[in-house]
Amino acid sequence: MNRTGSASDTLFWILRIAAAALLLFLLLAQILMITERTEQPVRLELGLYEQRLLTGPYGVMAREEQTGRVLPGVLDLARLDDSQLAMAYGQDDKTAVFGARLRVYLNASAIDGPDTVRPPTFNEPGVAKKYLALARAGLNGPGGGTYERHVLPVVLRDPKHTLDGHQAWLEMEMVKRT
């Protein structure tokens, strides 16, 4: 047997394995870059969706009566209902991709408890009810969704004047189905 032949064969196989490992590494790096690039626009879309729910024409923030100017940080409880929020981000029920659940709390210690000012209000209830739990669990692939949660301090404006001027917390859970 020729020893140089087997040494060159071994070296040849080592080079093949190294080349295959390098190609596999480059493929995984490309997949990660593509995933990262597609993740950022979804976060941006959820941020724009949140702003539309808060300050859009049918948003939940209070407005001045004469000018219609949005009063930042003042939550109008009359605008916090399902029919109002359905118009805040006009989507067709069958093709809706965004959904949100909004809750109002009077104190910060109740945010994770059952004490809310009123029951949760849903924007696009089908999307929110179906995909919110999946997105909250981190399942953002096909059949899941991307999840954002924000808790904002607000001052209440109540049409019944029972909670006018109270400080509260607005919890917004938003999802974009994928």
N, C-alpha and C. Protein backbone atom coordinates (compact mmCIF):
# COMPACT_ATOMS: atom_id res chain seq x y z
N MET A 1 0.81 -1.18 0.00
CA MET A 1 0.00 0.00 0.00
C MET A 1 0.86 1.25 0.00
N ASN A 2 0.38 2.23 -0.70
CA ASN A 2 1.09 3.49 -0.79
C ASN A 2 0.58 4.43 0.28
N ARG A 3 1.48 4.84 1.19
CA ARG A 3 1.07 5.71 2.29
C ARG A 3 0.74 7.11 1.81
N THR A 4 1.40 7.61 0.82
CA THR A 4 1.11 8.97 0.36
C THR A 4 -0.26 9.04 -0.29
N GLY A 5 -0.72 7.97 -0.91
CA GLY A 5 -2.06 7.95 -1.50
C GLY A 5 -3.13 8.05 -0.45
N SER A 6 -2.98 7.34 0.67
CA SER A 6 -4.00 7.41 1.71
C SER A 6 -3.96 8.74 2.45
N ALA A 7 -2.79 9.33 2.62
CA ALA A 7 -2.68 10.63 3.26
C ALA A 7 -3.32 11.70 2.39
N SER A 8 -3.13 11.63 1.09
CA SER A 8 -3.75 12.63 0.22
C SER A 8 -5.26 12.42 0.16
N ASP A 9 -5.71 11.15 0.22
CA ASP A 9 -7.16 10.90 0.28
C ASP A 9 -7.77 11.46 1.56
N THR A 10 -7.08 11.28 2.66
CA THR A 10 -7.58 11.80 3.93
C THR A 10 -7.64 13.33 3.90
N LEU A 11 -6.59 13.96 3.38
CA LEU A 11 -6.57 15.41 3.26
C LEU A 11 -7.69 15.90 2.34
N PHE A 12 -7.92 15.17 1.25
CA PHE A 12 -8.99 15.52 0.33
C PHE A 12 -10.34 15.48 1.02
N TRP A 13 -10.60 14.47 1.84
CA TRP A 13 -11.87 14.36 2.55
C TRP A 13 -12.01 15.43 3.64
N ILE A 14 -10.91 15.77 4.28
CA ILE A 14 -10.94 16.84 5.28
C ILE A 14 -11.31 18.17 4.62
N LEU A 15 -10.74 18.43 3.43
CA LEU A 15 -11.06 19.66 2.70
C LEU A 15 -12.53 19.66 2.26
N ARG A 16 -13.04 18.52 1.84
CA ARG A 16 -14.46 18.43 1.45
C ARG A 16 -15.39 18.74 2.63
N ILE A 17 -15.07 18.16 3.77
CA ILE A 17 -15.89 18.38 4.98
C ILE A 17 -15.82 19.84 5.40
N ALA A 18 -14.63 20.43 5.33
CA ALA A 18 -14.47 21.85 5.69
C ALA A 18 -15.27 22.73 4.73
N ALA A 19 -15.23 22.43 3.45
CA ALA A 19 -15.99 23.21 2.46
C ALA A 19 -17.50 23.06 2.70
N ALA A 20 -17.96 21.86 3.02
CA ALA A 20 -19.38 21.63 3.29
C ALA A 20 -19.80 22.38 4.55
N ALA A 21 -18.96 22.39 5.59
CA ALA A 21 -19.27 23.11 6.82
C ALA A 21 -19.32 24.62 6.56
N LEU A 22 -18.40 25.14 5.73
CA LEU A 22 -18.40 26.55 5.39
C LEU A 22 -19.67 26.92 4.62
N LEU A 23 -20.08 26.11 3.67
CA LEU A 23 -21.30 26.37 2.91
C LEU A 23 -22.53 26.32 3.81
N LEU A 24 -22.58 25.38 4.74
CA LEU A 24 -23.68 25.29 5.69
C LEU A 24 -23.74 26.53 6.58
N PHE A 25 -22.58 26.98 7.05
CA PHE A 25 -22.51 28.18 7.87
C PHE A 25 -23.02 29.39 7.09
N LEU A 26 -22.59 29.55 5.85
CA LEU A 26 -23.04 30.69 5.02
C LEU A 26 -24.54 30.63 4.77
N LEU A 27 -25.09 29.45 4.56
CA LEU A 27 -26.53 29.29 4.36
C LEU A 27 -27.30 29.70 5.62
N LEU A 28 -26.85 29.25 6.78
CA LEU A 28 -27.52 29.62 8.04
C LEU A 28 -27.41 31.12 8.31
N ALA A 29 -26.26 31.72 7.99
CA ALA A 29 -26.10 33.16 8.17
C ALA A 29 -27.06 33.93 7.27
N GLN A 30 -27.24 33.47 6.04
CA GLN A 30 -28.17 34.14 5.14
C GLN A 30 -29.60 34.01 5.64
N ILE A 31 -29.99 32.86 6.15
CA ILE A 31 -31.33 32.67 6.69
C ILE A 31 -31.57 33.60 7.88
N LEU A 32 -30.58 33.73 8.76
CA LEU A 32 -30.72 34.62 9.91
C LEU A 32 -30.82 36.08 9.49
N MET A 33 -30.06 36.48 8.48
CA MET A 33 -30.15 37.87 8.01
C MET A 33 -31.51 38.16 7.39
N ILE A 34 -32.04 37.24 6.62
CA ILE A 34 -33.36 37.44 6.01
C ILE A 34 -34.43 37.50 7.08
N THR A 35 -34.35 36.63 8.08
CA THR A 35 -35.32 36.62 9.17
C THR A 35 -35.27 37.94 9.93
N GLU A 36 -34.08 38.44 10.22
CA GLU A 36 -33.95 39.69 10.96
C GLU A 36 -34.50 40.86 10.15
N ARG A 37 -34.28 40.87 8.86
CA ARG A 37 -34.78 41.96 8.03
C ARG A 37 -36.30 41.94 7.93
N THR A 38 -36.91 40.78 7.96
CA THR A 38 -38.37 40.72 7.87
C THR A 38 -39.01 40.96 9.23
N GLU A 39 -38.30 40.78 10.32
CA GLU A 39 -38.85 40.98 11.67
C GLU A 39 -39.01 42.47 11.98
N GLN A 40 -38.06 43.30 11.57
CA GLN A 40 -38.11 44.72 11.91
C GLN A 40 -39.30 45.45 11.29
N PRO A 41 -39.64 45.23 10.01
CA PRO A 41 -40.82 45.91 9.47
C PRO A 41 -42.11 45.53 10.18
N VAL A 42 -42.22 44.30 10.68
CA VAL A 42 -43.42 43.89 11.41
C VAL A 42 -43.52 44.69 12.70
N ARG A 43 -42.42 44.88 13.41
CA ARG A 43 -42.42 45.70 14.63
C ARG A 43 -42.81 47.14 14.31
N LEU A 44 -42.33 47.65 13.20
CA LEU A 44 -42.68 48.99 12.77
C LEU A 44 -44.17 49.08 12.46
N GLU A 45 -44.71 48.07 11.78
CA GLU A 45 -46.14 48.05 11.47
C GLU A 45 -46.98 48.03 12.74
N LEU A 46 -46.54 47.25 13.74
CA LEU A 46 -47.28 47.22 15.01
C LEU A 46 -47.22 48.57 15.72
N GLY A 47 -46.10 49.27 15.62
CA GLY A 47 -45.99 50.60 16.20
C GLY A 47 -46.94 51.60 15.53
N LEU A 48 -47.03 51.52 14.20
CA LEU A 48 -47.97 52.39 13.48
C LEU A 48 -49.41 52.04 13.81
N TYR A 49 -49.68 50.75 13.95
CA TYR A 49 -51.02 50.29 14.32
C TYR A 49 -51.39 50.83 15.70
N GLU A 50 -50.45 50.80 16.63
CA GLU A 50 -50.69 51.32 17.98
C GLU A 50 -51.00 52.82 17.93
N GLN A 51 -50.23 53.57 17.16
CA GLN A 51 -50.48 55.00 17.06
C GLN A 51 -51.85 55.29 16.44
N ARG A 52 -52.26 54.47 15.49
CA ARG A 52 -53.58 54.64 14.87
C ARG A 52 -54.69 54.38 15.89
N LEU A 53 -54.51 53.36 16.75
CA LEU A 53 -55.51 53.07 17.78
C LEU A 53 -55.56 54.18 18.83
N LEU A 54 -54.43 54.78 19.11
CA LEU A 54 -54.40 55.83 20.13
C LEU A 54 -54.87 57.18 19.60
N THR A 55 -54.29 57.62 18.49
CA THR A 55 -54.49 59.01 18.08
C THR A 55 -55.15 59.17 16.71
N GLY A 56 -55.52 58.08 16.06
CA GLY A 56 -56.16 58.18 14.76
C GLY A 56 -57.54 58.80 14.86
N PRO A 57 -58.22 58.97 13.73
CA PRO A 57 -59.54 59.60 13.73
C PRO A 57 -60.56 58.89 14.62
N TYR A 58 -60.43 57.58 14.75
CA TYR A 58 -61.34 56.82 15.62
C TYR A 58 -60.59 56.26 16.83
N GLY A 59 -59.47 56.85 17.17
CA GLY A 59 -58.65 56.37 18.29
C GLY A 59 -59.29 56.65 19.63
N VAL A 60 -58.64 56.15 20.69
CA VAL A 60 -59.22 56.22 22.03
C VAL A 60 -58.82 57.47 22.82
N MET A 61 -57.87 58.24 22.35
CA MET A 61 -57.47 59.44 23.07
C MET A 61 -58.52 60.54 22.88
N ALA A 62 -58.68 61.34 23.91
CA ALA A 62 -59.67 62.42 23.88
C ALA A 62 -59.24 63.51 22.91
N ARG A 63 -60.22 64.29 22.47
CA ARG A 63 -59.98 65.37 21.51
C ARG A 63 -60.64 66.65 22.02
N GLU A 64 -60.07 67.78 21.62
CA GLU A 64 -60.71 69.06 21.91
C GLU A 64 -61.96 69.17 21.06
N GLU A 65 -63.01 69.71 21.61
CA GLU A 65 -64.27 69.79 20.88
C GLU A 65 -64.23 70.75 19.70
N GLN A 66 -63.61 71.92 19.87
CA GLN A 66 -63.62 72.91 18.79
C GLN A 66 -62.66 72.56 17.67
N THR A 67 -61.45 72.16 18.01
CA THR A 67 -60.41 71.96 16.98
C THR A 67 -60.25 70.52 16.56
N GLY A 68 -60.65 69.58 17.40
CA GLY A 68 -60.45 68.16 17.10
C GLY A 68 -59.04 67.69 17.38
N ARG A 69 -58.24 68.53 18.02
CA ARG A 69 -56.85 68.19 18.34
C ARG A 69 -56.82 67.08 19.39
N VAL A 70 -55.94 66.11 19.18
CA VAL A 70 -55.81 64.99 20.11
C VAL A 70 -55.13 65.47 21.39
N LEU A 71 -55.68 65.06 22.53
CA LEU A 71 -55.10 65.38 23.83
C LEU A 71 -54.27 64.17 24.27
N PRO A 72 -52.96 64.22 24.11
CA PRO A 72 -52.14 63.05 24.45
C PRO A 72 -52.20 62.74 25.93
N GLY A 73 -52.36 61.48 26.25
CA GLY A 73 -52.40 61.04 27.64
C GLY A 73 -53.76 61.14 28.30
N VAL A 74 -54.78 61.59 27.56
CA VAL A 74 -56.13 61.69 28.11
C VAL A 74 -57.00 60.67 27.38
N LEU A 75 -57.43 59.65 28.09
CA LEU A 75 -58.21 58.56 27.51
C LEU A 75 -59.70 58.87 27.64
N ASP A 76 -60.40 58.87 26.51
CA ASP A 76 -61.84 59.12 26.49
C ASP A 76 -62.56 57.77 26.57
N LEU A 77 -63.19 57.49 27.70
CA LEU A 77 -63.84 56.18 27.88
C LEU A 77 -65.01 55.99 26.93
N ALA A 78 -65.59 57.08 26.41
CA ALA A 78 -66.69 56.94 25.45
C ALA A 78 -66.18 56.38 24.12
N ARG A 79 -64.92 56.62 23.81
CA ARG A 79 -64.34 56.14 22.56
C ARG A 79 -63.78 54.73 22.69
N LEU A 80 -63.79 54.18 23.89
CA LEU A 80 -63.22 52.86 24.14
C LEU A 80 -64.32 51.81 24.07
N ASP A 81 -64.79 51.52 22.88
CA ASP A 81 -65.75 50.43 22.69
C ASP A 81 -65.44 49.72 21.38
N ASP A 82 -65.98 48.51 21.25
CA ASP A 82 -65.63 47.66 20.11
C ASP A 82 -66.00 48.28 18.77
N SER A 83 -67.16 48.94 18.68
CA SER A 83 -67.57 49.51 17.39
C SER A 83 -66.67 50.68 17.00
N GLN A 84 -66.27 51.48 17.96
CA GLN A 84 -65.37 52.61 17.69
C GLN A 84 -64.01 52.09 17.23
N LEU A 85 -63.48 51.09 17.93
CA LEU A 85 -62.17 50.56 17.58
C LEU A 85 -62.18 49.79 16.27
N ALA A 86 -63.32 49.24 15.89
CA ALA A 86 -63.40 48.54 14.61
C ALA A 86 -63.15 49.50 13.45
N MET A 87 -63.50 50.77 13.64
CA MET A 87 -63.27 51.76 12.59
C MET A 87 -61.89 52.39 12.69
N ALA A 88 -61.19 52.19 13.82
CA ALA A 88 -59.89 52.83 14.01
C ALA A 88 -58.86 52.34 13.00
N TYR A 89 -58.93 51.12 12.62
CA TYR A 89 -58.00 50.57 11.64
C TYR A 89 -58.81 49.70 10.71
N GLY A 90 -59.35 50.31 9.68
CA GLY A 90 -60.30 49.64 8.80
C GLY A 90 -59.72 48.41 8.12
N GLN A 91 -60.20 47.25 8.54
CA GLN A 91 -59.80 45.98 7.95
C GLN A 91 -61.05 45.18 7.64
N ASP A 92 -60.97 44.39 6.62
CA ASP A 92 -62.05 43.48 6.31
C ASP A 92 -61.98 42.32 7.30
N ASP A 93 -63.12 41.87 7.81
CA ASP A 93 -63.13 40.81 8.82
C ASP A 93 -62.44 39.54 8.35
N LYS A 94 -62.55 39.22 7.08
CA LYS A 94 -61.98 37.96 6.57
C LYS A 94 -60.49 38.05 6.31
N THR A 95 -59.99 39.23 5.99
CA THR A 95 -58.58 39.37 5.66
C THR A 95 -57.81 40.18 6.70
N ALA A 96 -58.37 40.41 7.86
CA ALA A 96 -57.72 41.21 8.90
C ALA A 96 -56.44 40.53 9.37
N VAL A 97 -55.39 41.32 9.53
CA VAL A 97 -54.12 40.78 10.01
C VAL A 97 -53.71 41.38 11.35
N PHE A 98 -54.31 42.49 11.75
CA PHE A 98 -53.98 43.13 13.02
C PHE A 98 -55.13 42.96 14.01
N GLY A 99 -54.79 42.86 15.28
CA GLY A 99 -55.79 42.81 16.33
C GLY A 99 -55.20 43.37 17.61
N ALA A 100 -56.06 43.83 18.50
CA ALA A 100 -55.59 44.39 19.76
C ALA A 100 -56.61 44.17 20.85
N ARG A 101 -56.11 44.10 22.08
CA ARG A 101 -56.97 44.06 23.26
C ARG A 101 -56.53 45.21 24.16
N LEU A 102 -57.48 46.05 24.54
CA LEU A 102 -57.19 47.20 25.39
C LEU A 102 -57.92 47.03 26.72
N ARG A 103 -57.20 47.30 27.81
CA ARG A 103 -57.81 47.26 29.15
C ARG A 103 -57.36 48.49 29.92
N VAL A 104 -58.24 48.96 30.80
CA VAL A 104 -57.95 50.14 31.61
C VAL A 104 -57.98 49.73 33.08
N TYR A 105 -56.91 50.11 33.81
CA TYR A 105 -56.79 49.80 35.23
C TYR A 105 -56.66 51.10 36.01
N LEU A 106 -57.22 51.12 37.21
CA LEU A 106 -57.12 52.33 38.04
C LEU A 106 -55.81 52.40 38.80
N ASN A 107 -55.20 51.28 39.11
CA ASN A 107 -53.91 51.34 39.79
C ASN A 107 -52.96 50.30 39.20
N ALA A 108 -51.67 50.54 39.34
CA ALA A 108 -50.66 49.70 38.71
C ALA A 108 -50.63 48.30 39.31
N SER A 109 -51.01 48.15 40.57
CA SER A 109 -50.94 46.83 41.20
C SER A 109 -52.00 45.88 40.63
N ALA A 110 -53.02 46.42 39.94
CA ALA A 110 -54.09 45.57 39.39
C ALA A 110 -53.82 45.16 37.95
N ILE A 111 -52.70 45.55 37.36
CA ILE A 111 -52.46 45.27 35.95
C ILE A 111 -52.47 43.78 35.67
N ASP A 112 -51.91 42.99 36.54
CA ASP A 112 -51.92 41.54 36.33
C ASP A 112 -53.08 40.86 37.04
N GLY A 113 -53.96 41.63 37.64
CA GLY A 113 -55.11 41.07 38.35
C GLY A 113 -56.41 41.33 37.61
N PRO A 114 -57.53 40.95 38.23
CA PRO A 114 -58.83 41.06 37.55
C PRO A 114 -59.50 42.42 37.66
N ASP A 115 -58.94 43.37 38.41
CA ASP A 115 -59.63 44.64 38.67
C ASP A 115 -59.41 45.63 37.53
N THR A 116 -60.35 45.66 36.62
CA THR A 116 -60.27 46.61 35.51
C THR A 116 -61.43 47.58 35.60
N VAL A 117 -61.29 48.73 34.95
CA VAL A 117 -62.36 49.72 34.93
C VAL A 117 -63.55 49.18 34.15
N ARG A 118 -63.27 48.50 33.05
CA ARG A 118 -64.32 47.87 32.25
C ARG A 118 -63.72 46.63 31.59
N PRO A 119 -64.57 45.75 31.06
CA PRO A 119 -64.03 44.53 30.44
C PRO A 119 -63.11 44.87 29.27
N PRO A 120 -62.23 43.94 28.89
CA PRO A 120 -61.33 44.22 27.77
C PRO A 120 -62.09 44.56 26.50
N THR A 121 -61.55 45.51 25.77
CA THR A 121 -62.13 45.94 24.50
C THR A 121 -61.24 45.40 23.39
N PHE A 122 -61.86 44.83 22.37
CA PHE A 122 -61.09 44.23 21.28
C PHE A 122 -61.24 45.03 20.01
N ASN A 123 -60.13 45.18 19.31
CA ASN A 123 -60.14 45.68 17.95
C ASN A 123 -59.89 44.47 17.08
N GLU A 124 -60.75 44.22 16.11
CA GLU A 124 -60.69 43.00 15.30
C GLU A 124 -60.66 41.79 16.23
N PRO A 125 -61.79 41.51 16.90
CA PRO A 125 -61.79 40.44 17.91
C PRO A 125 -61.38 39.08 17.37
N GLY A 126 -61.67 38.80 16.10
CA GLY A 126 -61.28 37.50 15.55
C GLY A 126 -59.78 37.31 15.57
N VAL A 127 -59.05 38.32 15.13
CA VAL A 127 -57.59 38.23 15.09
C VAL A 127 -57.04 38.20 16.51
N ALA A 128 -57.52 39.10 17.35
CA ALA A 128 -56.99 39.17 18.72
C ALA A 128 -57.27 37.90 19.49
N LYS A 129 -58.49 37.39 19.41
CA LYS A 129 -58.83 36.20 20.20
C LYS A 129 -58.13 34.94 19.69
N LYS A 130 -57.93 34.84 18.37
CA LYS A 130 -57.30 33.64 17.82
C LYS A 130 -55.78 33.65 17.97
N TYR A 131 -55.15 34.80 17.74
CA TYR A 131 -53.70 34.83 17.61
C TYR A 131 -52.96 35.44 18.79
N LEU A 132 -53.67 36.09 19.71
CA LEU A 132 -52.99 36.74 20.82
C LEU A 132 -52.26 35.75 21.71
N ALA A 133 -52.89 34.66 22.05
CA ALA A 133 -52.24 33.66 22.92
C ALA A 133 -51.04 33.02 22.23
N LEU A 134 -51.17 32.73 20.94
CA LEU A 134 -50.06 32.14 20.20
C LEU A 134 -48.89 33.11 20.09
N ALA A 135 -49.18 34.35 19.79
CA ALA A 135 -48.12 35.35 19.66
C ALA A 135 -47.47 35.63 21.00
N ARG A 136 -48.26 35.66 22.08
CA ARG A 136 -47.73 35.87 23.42
C ARG A 136 -46.76 34.75 23.81
N ALA A 137 -47.03 33.55 23.31
CA ALA A 137 -46.16 32.40 23.59
C ALA A 137 -44.90 32.40 22.73
N GLY A 138 -44.80 33.33 21.79
CA GLY A 138 -43.60 33.42 20.96
C GLY A 138 -43.69 32.65 19.65
N LEU A 139 -44.87 32.14 19.30
CA LEU A 139 -45.03 31.42 18.04
C LEU A 139 -45.33 32.43 16.94
N ASN A 140 -44.29 32.87 16.25
CA ASN A 140 -44.48 33.90 15.24
C ASN A 140 -44.30 33.38 13.83
N GLY A 141 -44.30 32.11 13.63
CA GLY A 141 -44.23 31.54 12.29
C GLY A 141 -45.61 31.44 11.68
N PRO A 142 -45.76 30.65 10.63
CA PRO A 142 -47.08 30.48 10.01
C PRO A 142 -48.09 29.97 11.03
N GLY A 143 -49.23 30.62 11.12
CA GLY A 143 -50.26 30.25 12.08
C GLY A 143 -50.10 30.95 13.41
N GLY A 144 -49.04 31.71 13.60
CA GLY A 144 -48.81 32.45 14.84
C GLY A 144 -48.93 33.94 14.59
N GLY A 145 -48.21 34.72 15.38
CA GLY A 145 -48.27 36.15 15.21
C GLY A 145 -47.15 36.85 15.94
N THR A 146 -46.96 38.11 15.62
CA THR A 146 -45.98 38.96 16.30
C THR A 146 -46.72 39.76 17.36
N TYR A 147 -46.15 39.84 18.55
CA TYR A 147 -46.83 40.38 19.72
C TYR A 147 -46.11 41.61 20.26
N GLU A 148 -46.86 42.61 20.63
CA GLU A 148 -46.35 43.79 21.33
C GLU A 148 -47.30 44.10 22.48
N ARG A 149 -46.74 44.50 23.62
CA ARG A 149 -47.56 44.90 24.77
C ARG A 149 -46.99 46.18 25.34
N HIS A 150 -47.87 47.16 25.56
CA HIS A 150 -47.47 48.42 26.15
C HIS A 150 -48.48 48.80 27.22
N VAL A 151 -47.96 49.34 28.32
CA VAL A 151 -48.81 49.87 29.39
C VAL A 151 -48.49 51.36 29.52
N LEU A 152 -49.53 52.19 29.30
CA LEU A 152 -49.34 53.64 29.27
C LEU A 152 -50.11 54.31 30.41
N PRO A 153 -49.50 55.30 31.06
CA PRO A 153 -50.27 56.07 32.06
C PRO A 153 -51.20 57.04 31.34
N VAL A 154 -52.44 57.11 31.79
CA VAL A 154 -53.42 58.00 31.18
C VAL A 154 -54.25 58.68 32.27
N VAL A 155 -54.91 59.75 31.88
CA VAL A 155 -55.91 60.43 32.71
C VAL A 155 -57.25 60.16 32.04
N LEU A 156 -58.26 59.81 32.83
CA LEU A 156 -59.54 59.40 32.26
C LEU A 156 -60.47 60.59 32.02
N ARG A 157 -61.17 60.52 30.91
CA ARG A 157 -62.29 61.42 30.63
C ARG A 157 -63.51 60.51 30.49
N ASP A 158 -64.44 60.65 31.42
CA ASP A 158 -65.60 59.76 31.49
C ASP A 158 -66.87 60.52 31.15
N PRO A 159 -67.68 60.03 30.21
CA PRO A 159 -68.92 60.73 29.88
C PRO A 159 -69.91 60.74 31.05
N LYS A 160 -69.81 59.78 31.96
CA LYS A 160 -70.70 59.74 33.13
C LYS A 160 -70.16 60.60 34.28
N HIS A 161 -68.94 61.10 34.13
CA HIS A 161 -68.28 61.97 35.10
C HIS A 161 -68.00 61.29 36.44
N THR A 162 -68.03 59.96 36.48
CA THR A 162 -67.70 59.27 37.73
C THR A 162 -66.20 59.06 37.87
N LEU A 163 -65.49 58.95 36.76
CA LEU A 163 -64.04 58.71 36.81
C LEU A 163 -63.25 59.86 36.18
N ASP A 164 -63.90 60.99 35.94
CA ASP A 164 -63.21 62.13 35.32
C ASP A 164 -61.98 62.54 36.12
N GLY A 165 -60.84 62.66 35.45
CA GLY A 165 -59.63 63.13 36.09
C GLY A 165 -58.84 62.09 36.85
N HIS A 166 -59.36 60.88 36.96
CA HIS A 166 -58.61 59.82 37.65
C HIS A 166 -57.41 59.40 36.81
N GLN A 167 -56.33 59.12 37.49
CA GLN A 167 -55.18 58.56 36.80
C GLN A 167 -55.40 57.06 36.67
N ALA A 168 -55.00 56.52 35.52
CA ALA A 168 -55.21 55.09 35.26
C ALA A 168 -54.09 54.59 34.36
N TRP A 169 -54.18 53.33 34.02
CA TRP A 169 -53.21 52.67 33.14
C TRP A 169 -53.96 52.03 31.97
N LEU A 170 -53.48 52.27 30.77
CA LEU A 170 -54.04 51.65 29.58
C LEU A 170 -53.08 50.57 29.12
N GLU A 171 -53.55 49.33 29.13
CA GLU A 171 -52.75 48.21 28.65
C GLU A 171 -53.19 47.88 27.23
N MET A 172 -52.24 47.86 26.31
CA MET A 172 -52.51 47.54 24.92
C MET A 172 -51.71 46.30 24.55
N GLU A 173 -52.43 45.25 24.14
CA GLU A 173 -51.77 44.05 23.61
C GLU A 173 -52.14 43.97 22.14
N MET A 174 -51.11 44.03 21.29
CA MET A 174 -51.35 44.04 19.84
C MET A 174 -50.70 42.82 19.21
N VAL A 175 -51.34 42.34 18.15
CA VAL A 175 -50.83 41.17 17.44
C VAL A 175 -50.99 41.38 15.94
N LYS A 176 -50.00 40.91 15.21
CA LYS A 176 -50.12 40.84 13.74
C LYS A 176 -49.96 39.38 13.39
N ARG A 177 -50.99 38.82 12.78
CA ARG A 177 -50.90 37.40 12.44
C ARG A 177 -49.96 37.22 11.26
N THR A 178 -49.31 36.06 11.24
CA THR A 178 -48.36 35.78 10.16
C THR A 178 -48.84 34.65 9.30
